[in-house]
PDB file of N, CA and C in Angstrom:
ATOM      1  N   MET A   1     -43.770  64.299  97.284  1.00  0.00           N
ATOM      2  CA  MET A   1     -44.738  63.306  96.708  1.00  0.00           C
ATOM      3  C   MET A   1     -44.017  61.849  97.227  1.00  0.00           C
ATOM      4  N   ALA A   2     -42.858  61.616  97.034  1.00  0.00           N
ATOM      5  CA  ALA A   2     -42.098  60.408  97.320  1.00  0.00           C
ATOM      6  C   ALA A   2     -42.448  60.032  98.877  1.00  0.00           C
ATOM      7  N   LYS A   3     -42.709  60.868  99.630  1.00  0.00           N
ATOM      8  CA  LYS A   3     -42.805  60.686 101.126  1.00  0.00           C
ATOM      9  C   LYS A   3     -44.169  59.898 101.005  1.00  0.00           C
ATOM     10  N   LYS A   4     -45.246  60.178 100.508  1.00  0.00           N
ATOM     11  CA  LYS A   4     -46.591  59.610 100.488  1.00  0.00           C
ATOM     12  C   LYS A   4     -46.558  58.228  99.958  1.00  0.00           C
ATOM     13  N   GLY A   5     -45.863  57.901  98.947  1.00  0.00           N
ATOM     14  CA  GLY A   5     -45.521  56.585  98.467  1.00  0.00           C
ATOM     15  C   GLY A   5     -44.865  55.706  99.403  1.00  0.00           C
ATOM     16  N   ARG A   6     -43.797  56.044 100.067  1.00  0.00           N
ATOM     17  CA  ARG A   6     -43.232  55.266 101.143  1.00  0.00           C
ATOM     18  C   ARG A   6     -44.267  55.127 102.388  1.00  0.00           C
ATOM     19  N   GLN A   7     -45.053  56.136 102.532  1.00  0.00           N
ATOM     20  CA  GLN A   7     -45.807  55.809 103.779  1.00  0.00           C
ATOM     21  C   GLN A   7     -47.016  54.723 103.458  1.00  0.00           C
ATOM     22  N   SER A   8     -47.602  54.868 102.348  1.00  0.00           N
ATOM     23  CA  SER A   8     -48.616  53.898 101.980  1.00  0.00           C
ATOM     24  C   SER A   8     -47.879  52.502 101.689  1.00  0.00           C
ATOM     25  N   ALA A   9     -46.660  52.528 101.533  1.00  0.00           N
ATOM     26  CA  ALA A   9     -46.058  51.035 101.103  1.00  0.00           C
ATOM     27  C   ALA A   9     -45.884  50.391 102.671  1.00  0.00           C
ATOM     28  N   GLY A  10     -45.529  51.480 103.391  1.00  0.00           N
ATOM     29  CA  GLY A  10     -45.203  51.097 104.908  1.00  0.00           C
ATOM     30  C   GLY A  10     -46.343  50.499 105.568  1.00  0.00           C
ATOM     31  N   ALA A  11     -47.412  51.343 105.374  1.00  0.00           N
ATOM     32  CA  ALA A  11     -48.820  50.963 105.779  1.00  0.00           C
ATOM     33  C   ALA A  11     -49.150  49.459 105.395  1.00  0.00           C
ATOM     34  N   ALA A  12     -48.985  49.318 104.032  1.00  0.00           N
ATOM     35  CA  ALA A  12     -49.341  47.965 103.631  1.00  0.00           C
ATOM     36  C   ALA A  12     -48.646  46.749 104.232  1.00  0.00           C
ATOM     37  N   LYS A  13     -47.330  47.119 104.481  1.00  0.00           N
ATOM     38  CA  LYS A  13     -46.692  46.142 105.145  1.00  0.00           C
ATOM     39  C   LYS A  13     -46.911  45.922 106.681  1.00  0.00           C
ATOM     40  N   SER A  14     -47.220  46.910 107.286  1.00  0.00           N
ATOM     41  CA  SER A  14     -47.822  46.661 108.632  1.00  0.00           C
ATOM     42  C   SER A  14     -49.215  45.884 108.664  1.00  0.00           C
ATOM     43  N   ARG A  15     -50.105  46.219 107.732  1.00  0.00           N
ATOM     44  CA  ARG A  15     -51.429  45.461 107.652  1.00  0.00           C
ATOM     45  C   ARG A  15     -50.943  44.065 107.443  1.00  0.00           C
ATOM     46  N   SER A  16     -50.170  43.699 106.503  1.00  0.00           N
ATOM     47  CA  SER A  16     -50.001  42.330 106.130  1.00  0.00           C
ATOM     48  C   SER A  16     -48.981  41.641 107.170  1.00  0.00           C
ATOM     49  N   ALA A  17     -48.479  42.372 107.977  1.00  0.00           N
ATOM     50  CA  ALA A  17     -47.556  41.592 108.901  1.00  0.00           C
ATOM     51  C   ALA A  17     -48.732  41.323 110.253  1.00  0.00           C
ATOM     52  N   SER A  18     -49.769  42.079 110.393  1.00  0.00           N
ATOM     53  CA  SER A  18     -50.586  41.987 111.565  1.00  0.00           C
ATOM     54  C   SER A  18     -51.532  40.837 111.477  1.00  0.00           C
ATOM     55  N   SER A  19     -51.728  40.259 110.162  1.00  0.00           N
ATOM     56  CA  SER A  19     -52.523  39.199 109.969  1.00  0.00           C
ATOM     57  C   SER A  19     -52.220  37.974 110.300  1.00  0.00           C
ATOM     58  N   ASN A  20     -52.746  37.151 110.508  1.00  0.00           N
ATOM     59  CA  ASN A  20     -52.388  35.527 110.835  1.00  0.00           C
ATOM     60  C   ASN A  20     -51.337  35.138 109.731  1.00  0.00           C
ATOM     61  N   GLY A  21     -50.386  34.376 109.930  1.00  0.00           N
ATOM     62  CA  GLY A  21     -49.593  33.808 109.014  1.00  0.00           C
ATOM     63  C   GLY A  21     -50.201  32.565 108.435  1.00  0.00           C
ATOM     64  N   ASP A  22     -51.185  31.951 108.762  1.00  0.00           N
ATOM     65  CA  ASP A  22     -51.772  30.927 108.161  1.00  0.00           C
ATOM     66  C   ASP A  22     -53.023  31.224 107.043  1.00  0.00           C
ATOM     67  N   GLY A  23     -53.377  32.499 107.316  1.00  0.00           N
ATOM     68  CA  GLY A  23     -54.364  33.137 106.334  1.00  0.00           C
ATOM     69  C   GLY A  23     -55.813  33.075 106.696  1.00  0.00           C
ATOM     70  N   THR A  24     -55.979  32.339 107.943  1.00  0.00           N
ATOM     71  CA  THR A  24     -57.295  32.467 108.489  1.00  0.00           C
ATOM     72  C   THR A  24     -57.460  33.157 109.667  1.00  0.00           C
ATOM     73  N   GLY A  25     -58.280  34.303 109.624  1.00  0.00           N
ATOM     74  CA  GLY A  25     -58.443  34.984 110.831  1.00  0.00           C
ATOM     75  C   GLY A  25     -59.513  34.531 111.579  1.00  0.00           C
ATOM     76  N   THR A  26     -59.663  35.031 112.979  1.00  0.00           N
ATOM     77  CA  THR A  26     -60.847  34.538 113.820  1.00  0.00           C
ATOM     78  C   THR A  26     -62.143  35.274 113.277  1.00  0.00           C
ATOM     79  N   THR A  27     -63.057  34.723 113.511  1.00  0.00           N
ATOM     80  CA  THR A  27     -64.612  35.065 113.088  1.00  0.00           C
ATOM     81  C   THR A  27     -65.098  35.774 114.370  1.00  0.00           C
ATOM     82  N   LEU A  28     -66.217  36.495 113.753  1.00  0.00           N
ATOM     83  CA  LEU A  28     -66.893  37.159 115.026  1.00  0.00           C
ATOM     84  C   LEU A  28     -67.694  36.179 115.903  1.00  0.00           C
ATOM     85  N   LYS A  29     -67.928  35.117 115.158  1.00  0.00           N
ATOM     86  CA  LYS A  29     -68.749  34.028 116.071  1.00  0.00           C
ATOM     87  C   LYS A  29     -67.630  33.475 117.204  1.00  0.00           C
ATOM     88  N   GLU A  30     -66.442  33.492 116.860  1.00  0.00           N
ATOM     89  CA  GLU A  30     -65.359  32.890 117.764  1.00  0.00           C
ATOM     90  C   GLU A  30     -65.052  34.171 118.849  1.00  0.00           C
ATOM     91  N   LEU A  31     -65.125  35.471 118.548  1.00  0.00           N
ATOM     92  CA  LEU A  31     -64.897  36.389 119.357  1.00  0.00           C
ATOM     93  C   LEU A  31     -66.144  36.707 120.321  1.00  0.00           C
ATOM     94  N   LEU A  32     -67.186  36.501 119.917  1.00  0.00           N
ATOM     95  CA  LEU A  32     -68.407  36.779 120.800  1.00  0.00           C
ATOM     96  C   LEU A  32     -68.805  35.675 121.613  1.00  0.00           C
ATOM     97  N   GLY A  33     -69.401  35.897 122.807  1.00  0.00           N
ATOM     98  CA  GLY A  33     -69.989  34.777 123.734  1.00  0.00           C
ATOM     99  C   GLY A  33     -71.217  34.163 123.165  1.00  0.00           C
ATOM    100  N   ALA A  34     -71.454  33.154 123.746  1.00  0.00           N
ATOM    101  CA  ALA A  34     -72.512  32.315 123.320  1.00  0.00           C
ATOM    102  C   ALA A  34     -74.018  33.221 123.603  1.00  0.00           C
ATOM    103  N   ASP A  35     -73.891  33.773 124.685  1.00  0.00           N
ATOM    104  CA  ASP A  35     -75.289  34.675 125.223  1.00  0.00           C
ATOM    105  C   ASP A  35     -75.476  35.958 124.214  1.00  0.00           C
ATOM    106  N   VAL A  36     -74.324  36.466 123.740  1.00  0.00           N
ATOM    107  CA  VAL A  36     -74.264  37.515 122.757  1.00  0.00           C
ATOM    108  C   VAL A  36     -74.813  37.212 121.430  1.00  0.00           C
ATOM    109  N   LEU A  37     -74.290  35.900 121.043  1.00  0.00           N
ATOM    110  CA  LEU A  37     -74.583  35.556 119.980  1.00  0.00           C
ATOM    111  C   LEU A  37     -76.239  35.105 119.874  1.00  0.00           C
ATOM    112  N   ASP A  38     -76.909  34.566 120.903  1.00  0.00           N
ATOM    113  CA  ASP A  38     -78.367  34.234 121.145  1.00  0.00           C
ATOM    114  C   ASP A  38     -79.012  35.592 120.966  1.00  0.00           C
ATOM    115  N   LYS A  39     -78.737  36.498 121.794  1.00  0.00           N
ATOM    116  CA  LYS A  39     -79.386  37.929 121.532  1.00  0.00           C
ATOM    117  C   LYS A  39     -79.374  38.473 120.277  1.00  0.00           C
ATOM    118  N   LEU A  40     -78.217  38.356 119.529  1.00  0.00           N
ATOM    119  CA  LEU A  40     -78.102  38.818 118.336  1.00  0.00           C
ATOM    120  C   LEU A  40     -79.138  38.290 117.169  1.00  0.00           C
ATOM    121  N   GLN A  41     -79.350  36.841 117.272  1.00  0.00           N
ATOM    122  CA  GLN A  41     -80.102  35.992 116.607  1.00  0.00           C
ATOM    123  C   GLN A  41     -81.348  36.263 116.953  1.00  0.00           C
ATOM    124  N   ALA A  42     -81.774  36.393 118.227  1.00  0.00           N
ATOM    125  CA  ALA A  42     -83.128  36.822 118.487  1.00  0.00           C
ATOM    126  C   ALA A  42     -83.533  38.137 117.813  1.00  0.00           C
ATOM    127  N   LYS A  43     -82.600  39.075 118.174  1.00  0.00           N
ATOM    128  CA  LYS A  43     -82.904  40.490 117.420  1.00  0.00           C
ATOM    129  C   LYS A  43     -83.075  40.170 116.069  1.00  0.00           C
ATOM    130  N   ALA A  44     -82.309  39.420 115.355  1.00  0.00           N
ATOM    131  CA  ALA A  44     -82.399  39.521 113.961  1.00  0.00           C
ATOM    132  C   ALA A  44     -83.960  38.690 113.613  1.00  0.00           C
ATOM    133  N   GLY A  45     -84.371  37.748 114.415  1.00  0.00           N
ATOM    134  CA  GLY A  45     -85.634  37.105 114.333  1.00  0.00           C
ATOM    135  C   GLY A  45     -86.537  38.110 114.344  1.00  0.00           C
ATOM    136  N   GLU A  46     -86.567  38.935 115.344  1.00  0.00           N
ATOM    137  CA  GLU A  46     -87.575  40.093 115.556  1.00  0.00           C
ATOM    138  C   GLU A  46     -87.565  40.961 114.339  1.00  0.00           C
ATOM    139  N   LEU A  47     -86.604  41.302 113.939  1.00  0.00           N
ATOM    140  CA  LEU A  47     -86.376  42.328 112.872  1.00  0.00           C
ATOM    141  C   LEU A  47     -86.992  41.836 111.644  1.00  0.00           C
ATOM    142  N   LYS A  48     -86.949  40.466 111.491  1.00  0.00           N
ATOM    143  CA  LYS A  48     -87.457  39.776 110.030  1.00  0.00           C
ATOM    144  C   LYS A  48     -88.978  39.718 110.368  1.00  0.00           C
ATOM    145  N   GLN A  49     -89.476  39.384 111.531  1.00  0.00           N
ATOM    146  CA  GLN A  49     -90.979  39.342 111.686  1.00  0.00           C
ATOM    147  C   GLN A  49     -91.479  40.781 111.474  1.00  0.00           C
ATOM    148  N   GLU A  50     -91.008  41.693 112.028  1.00  0.00           N
ATOM    149  CA  GLU A  50     -91.499  43.139 111.812  1.00  0.00           C
ATOM    150  C   GLU A  50     -91.395  43.444 110.372  1.00  0.00           C
ATOM    151  N   GLN A  51     -90.186  43.096 109.670  1.00  0.00           N
ATOM    152  CA  GLN A  51     -90.291  43.354 108.295  1.00  0.00           C
ATOM    153  C   GLN A  51     -91.372  42.835 107.502  1.00  0.00           C
ATOM    154  N   ALA A  52     -91.690  41.532 108.017  1.00  0.00           N
ATOM    155  CA  ALA A  52     -92.769  40.904 107.097  1.00  0.00           C
ATOM    156  C   ALA A  52     -94.035  41.428 107.461  1.00  0.00           C
ATOM    157  N   LYS A  53     -94.136  41.803 108.804  1.00  0.00           N
ATOM    158  CA  LYS A  53     -95.426  42.329 109.189  1.00  0.00           C
ATOM    159  C   LYS A  53     -95.764  43.687 108.347  1.00  0.00           C
ATOM    160  N   ARG A  54     -94.718  44.428 108.205  1.00  0.00           N
ATOM    161  CA  ARG A  54     -94.841  45.867 107.458  1.00  0.00           C
ATOM    162  C   ARG A  54     -94.919  45.467 105.997  1.00  0.00           C
ATOM    163  N   GLU A  55     -94.279  44.528 105.440  1.00  0.00           N
ATOM    164  CA  GLU A  55     -94.572  44.193 104.078  1.00  0.00           C
ATOM    165  C   GLU A  55     -96.060  43.699 103.864  1.00  0.00           C
ATOM    166  N   ASP A  56     -96.639  42.932 104.938  1.00  0.00           N
ATOM    167  CA  ASP A  56     -97.957  42.478 104.609  1.00  0.00           C
ATOM    168  C   ASP A  56     -99.053  43.589 104.796  1.00  0.00           C
ATOM    169  N   GLN A  57     -98.744  44.696 105.648  1.00  0.00           N
ATOM    170  CA  GLN A  57     -99.627  45.676 105.759  1.00  0.00           C
ATOM    171  C   GLN A  57     -99.577  46.561 104.743  1.00  0.00           C
ATOM    172  N   GLU A  58     -98.317  47.039 104.049  1.00  0.00           N
ATOM    173  CA  GLU A  58     -98.356  47.588 102.815  1.00  0.00           C
ATOM    174  C   GLU A  58     -98.915  47.072 101.968  1.00  0.00           C
ATOM    175  N   ARG A  59     -98.871  45.741 101.570  1.00  0.00           N
ATOM    176  CA  ARG A  59     -99.642  45.032 100.860  1.00  0.00           C
ATOM    177  C   ARG A  59    -101.047  45.056 100.731  1.00  0.00           C
ATOM    178  N   LYS A  60    -101.612  44.960 101.820  1.00  0.00           N
ATOM    179  CA  LYS A  60    -103.084  45.090 102.257  1.00  0.00           C
ATOM    180  C   LYS A  60    -103.523  46.344 102.084  1.00  0.00           C
ATOM    181  N   GLU A  61    -102.806  47.371 102.404  1.00  0.00           N
ATOM    182  CA  GLU A  61    -103.078  48.822 102.123  1.00  0.00           C
ATOM    183  C   GLU A  61    -103.027  49.073 100.452  1.00  0.00           C
ATOM    184  N   LYS A  62    -102.271  48.498  99.822  1.00  0.00           N
ATOM    185  CA  LYS A  62    -102.442  48.608  98.234  1.00  0.00           C
ATOM    186  C   LYS A  62    -103.398  47.868  97.511  1.00  0.00           C
ATOM    187  N   GLU A  63    -103.695  46.770  98.235  1.00  0.00           N
ATOM    188  CA  GLU A  63    -104.795  46.039  97.723  1.00  0.00           C
ATOM    189  C   GLU A  63    -106.321  46.703  97.941  1.00  0.00           C
ATOM    190  N   GLU A  64    -106.175  47.239  99.349  1.00  0.00           N
ATOM    191  CA  GLU A  64    -107.559  47.999  99.663  1.00  0.00           C
ATOM    192  C   GLU A  64    -107.663  49.297  98.863  1.00  0.00           C
ATOM    193  N   ALA A  65    -106.714  49.936  98.692  1.00  0.00           N
ATOM    194  CA  ALA A  65    -106.641  51.157  97.619  1.00  0.00           C
ATOM    195  C   ALA A  65    -106.918  50.812  96.227  1.00  0.00           C
ATOM    196  N   ARG A  66    -106.390  49.636  95.771  1.00  0.00           N
ATOM    197  CA  ARG A  66    -107.056  49.240  94.493  1.00  0.00           C
ATOM    198  C   ARG A  66    -108.480  49.087  94.429  1.00  0.00           C
ATOM    199  N   ARG A  67    -109.135  48.418  95.463  1.00  0.00           N
ATOM    200  CA  ARG A  67    -110.454  48.095  95.486  1.00  0.00           C
ATOM    201  C   ARG A  67    -111.175  49.213  95.509  1.00  0.00           C
ATOM    202  N   GLN A  68    -110.770  50.001  96.364  1.00  0.00           N
ATOM    203  CA  GLN A  68    -111.501  51.496  96.357  1.00  0.00           C
ATOM    204  C   GLN A  68    -111.552  52.235  95.099  1.00  0.00           C
ATOM    205  N   GLU A  69    -110.363  52.120  94.493  1.00  0.00           N
ATOM    206  CA  GLU A  69    -110.358  52.974  92.937  1.00  0.00           C
ATOM    207  C   GLU A  69    -111.255  52.200  92.187  1.00  0.00           C
ATOM    208  N   GLN A  70    -111.259  50.841  92.175  1.00  0.00           N
ATOM    209  CA  GLN A  70    -112.228  50.118  91.083  1.00  0.00           C
ATOM    210  C   GLN A  70    -113.605  50.241  91.712  1.00  0.00           C
ATOM    211  N   LYS A  71    -113.979  50.418  92.816  1.00  0.00           N
ATOM    212  CA  LYS A  71    -115.443  50.756  93.258  1.00  0.00           C
ATOM    213  C   LYS A  71    -115.719  52.111  92.799  1.00  0.00           C
ATOM    214  N   ARG A  72    -114.893  53.147  92.903  1.00  0.00           N
ATOM    215  CA  ARG A  72    -115.134  54.273  92.397  1.00  0.00           C
ATOM    216  C   ARG A  72    -115.373  54.580  91.146  1.00  0.00           C
ATOM    217  N   LEU A  73    -114.289  53.800  90.245  1.00  0.00           N
ATOM    218  CA  LEU A  73    -114.580  53.766  88.711  1.00  0.00           C
ATOM    219  C   LEU A  73    -115.831  53.216  88.275  1.00  0.00           C
ATOM    220  N   GLU A  74    -116.282  52.049  89.154  1.00  0.00           N
ATOM    221  CA  GLU A  74    -117.538  51.503  88.554  1.00  0.00           C
ATOM    222  C   GLU A  74    -118.783  52.157  88.863  1.00  0.00           C
ATOM    223  N   ASN A  75    -118.733  53.162  89.608  1.00  0.00           N
ATOM    224  CA  ASN A  75    -119.815  54.237  90.018  1.00  0.00           C
ATOM    225  C   ASN A  75    -119.692  55.532  89.084  1.00  0.00           C
ATOM    226  N   ASP A  76    -118.481  55.402  88.313  1.00  0.00           N
ATOM    227  CA  ASP A  76    -118.504  56.570  87.425  1.00  0.00           C
ATOM    228  C   ASP A  76    -119.049  56.197  85.992  1.00  0.00           C
ATOM    229  N   PHE A  77    -120.197  56.873  85.675  1.00  0.00           N
ATOM    230  CA  PHE A  77    -120.903  56.526  84.451  1.00  0.00           C
ATOM    231  C   PHE A  77    -119.892  56.818  83.182  1.00  0.00           C
ATOM    232  N   SER A  78    -119.159  57.738  83.171  1.00  0.00           N
ATOM    233  CA  SER A  78    -118.409  58.129  81.986  1.00  0.00           C
ATOM    234  C   SER A  78    -117.199  57.100  81.803  1.00  0.00           C
ATOM    235  N   TYR A  79    -116.701  56.786  82.753  1.00  0.00           N
ATOM    236  CA  TYR A  79    -115.927  55.617  82.731  1.00  0.00           C
ATOM    237  C   TYR A  79    -116.225  54.438  82.120  1.00  0.00           C
ATOM    238  N   LEU A  80    -117.386  53.820  82.748  1.00  0.00           N
ATOM    239  CA  LEU A  80    -117.909  52.629  82.157  1.00  0.00           C
ATOM    240  C   LEU A  80    -118.398  52.898  80.691  1.00  0.00           C
ATOM    241  N   LEU A  81    -118.830  53.991  80.370  1.00  0.00           N
ATOM    242  CA  LEU A  81    -119.441  54.286  79.092  1.00  0.00           C
ATOM    243  C   LEU A  81    -118.190  54.282  77.971  1.00  0.00           C
ATOM    244  N   ASN A  82    -116.993  54.580  78.393  1.00  0.00           N
ATOM    245  CA  ASN A  82    -115.793  54.714  77.709  1.00  0.00           C
ATOM    246  C   ASN A  82    -115.080  53.344  77.650  1.00  0.00           C
ATOM    247  N   ASN A  83    -115.254  52.814  78.696  1.00  0.00           N
ATOM    248  CA  ASN A  83    -114.477  51.380  78.766  1.00  0.00           C
ATOM    249  C   ASN A  83    -115.458  50.202  78.557  1.00  0.00           C
ATOM    250  N   SER A  84    -116.520  50.207  78.398  1.00  0.00           N
ATOM    251  CA  SER A  84    -117.437  49.062  78.180  1.00  0.00           C
ATOM    252  C   SER A  84    -117.416  48.697  76.653  1.00  0.00           C
ATOM    253  N   ASP A  85    -117.684  47.502  76.227  1.00  0.00           N
ATOM    254  CA  ASP A  85    -117.830  46.827  75.220  1.00  0.00           C
ATOM    255  C   ASP A  85    -118.763  47.433  74.219  1.00  0.00           C
ATOM    256  N   SER A  86    -118.414  48.060  73.027  1.00  0.00           N
ATOM    257  CA  SER A  86    -119.365  48.599  72.283  1.00  0.00           C
ATOM    258  C   SER A  86    -120.159  47.690  71.440  1.00  0.00           C
ATOM    259  N   ASP A  87    -119.760  46.605  71.389  1.00  0.00           N
ATOM    260  CA  ASP A  87    -120.653  45.450  70.625  1.00  0.00           C
ATOM    261  C   ASP A  87    -121.942  44.993  71.322  1.00  0.00           C
ATOM    262  N   TRP A  88    -123.053  45.836  71.456  1.00  0.00           N
ATOM    263  CA  TRP A  88    -124.166  45.240  72.153  1.00  0.00           C
ATOM    264  C   TRP A  88    -124.698  44.231  71.752  1.00  0.00           C
ATOM    265  N   SER A  89    -124.751  43.804  70.493  1.00  0.00           N
ATOM    266  CA  SER A  89    -125.229  42.823  69.811  1.00  0.00           C
ATOM    267  C   SER A  89    -125.024  41.437  70.582  1.00  0.00           C
ATOM    268  N   LYS A  90    -124.092  41.155  71.407  1.00  0.00           N
ATOM    269  CA  LYS A  90    -123.515  40.093  71.901  1.00  0.00           C
ATOM    270  C   LYS A  90    -124.705  39.871  73.243  1.00  0.00           C
ATOM    271  N   TYR A  91    -125.228  40.780  73.839  1.00  0.00           N
ATOM    272  CA  TYR A  91    -125.806  40.818  75.011  1.00  0.00           C
ATOM    273  C   TYR A  91    -127.483  40.652  74.959  1.00  0.00           C
ATOM    274  N   LYS A  92    -127.783  40.490  73.371  1.00  0.00           N
ATOM    275  CA  LYS A  92    -129.324  40.508  73.215  1.00  0.00           C
ATOM    276  C   LYS A  92    -129.709  39.168  73.601  1.00  0.00           C
TER     277      LYS A  92
END
């Protein structure tokens, strides 16, 4: 078991030694070229548009399903009878 402790301590030392001394590492933006960044940004924009379209389509489908259910319930006499206002004197 002592060997495991020594190995993990050595691994931690090697990781800290490999990092920059000033504490700031290189960013992905610095490592990638401008053309790759442009492609990634374009792809991110396309994915956002697709997600927005998908969400809009789902919202429209839910709204249509709700309208169809309401229409079906309005044609169901027992539903209307059970959910209507029982105070008919207001409508005289």
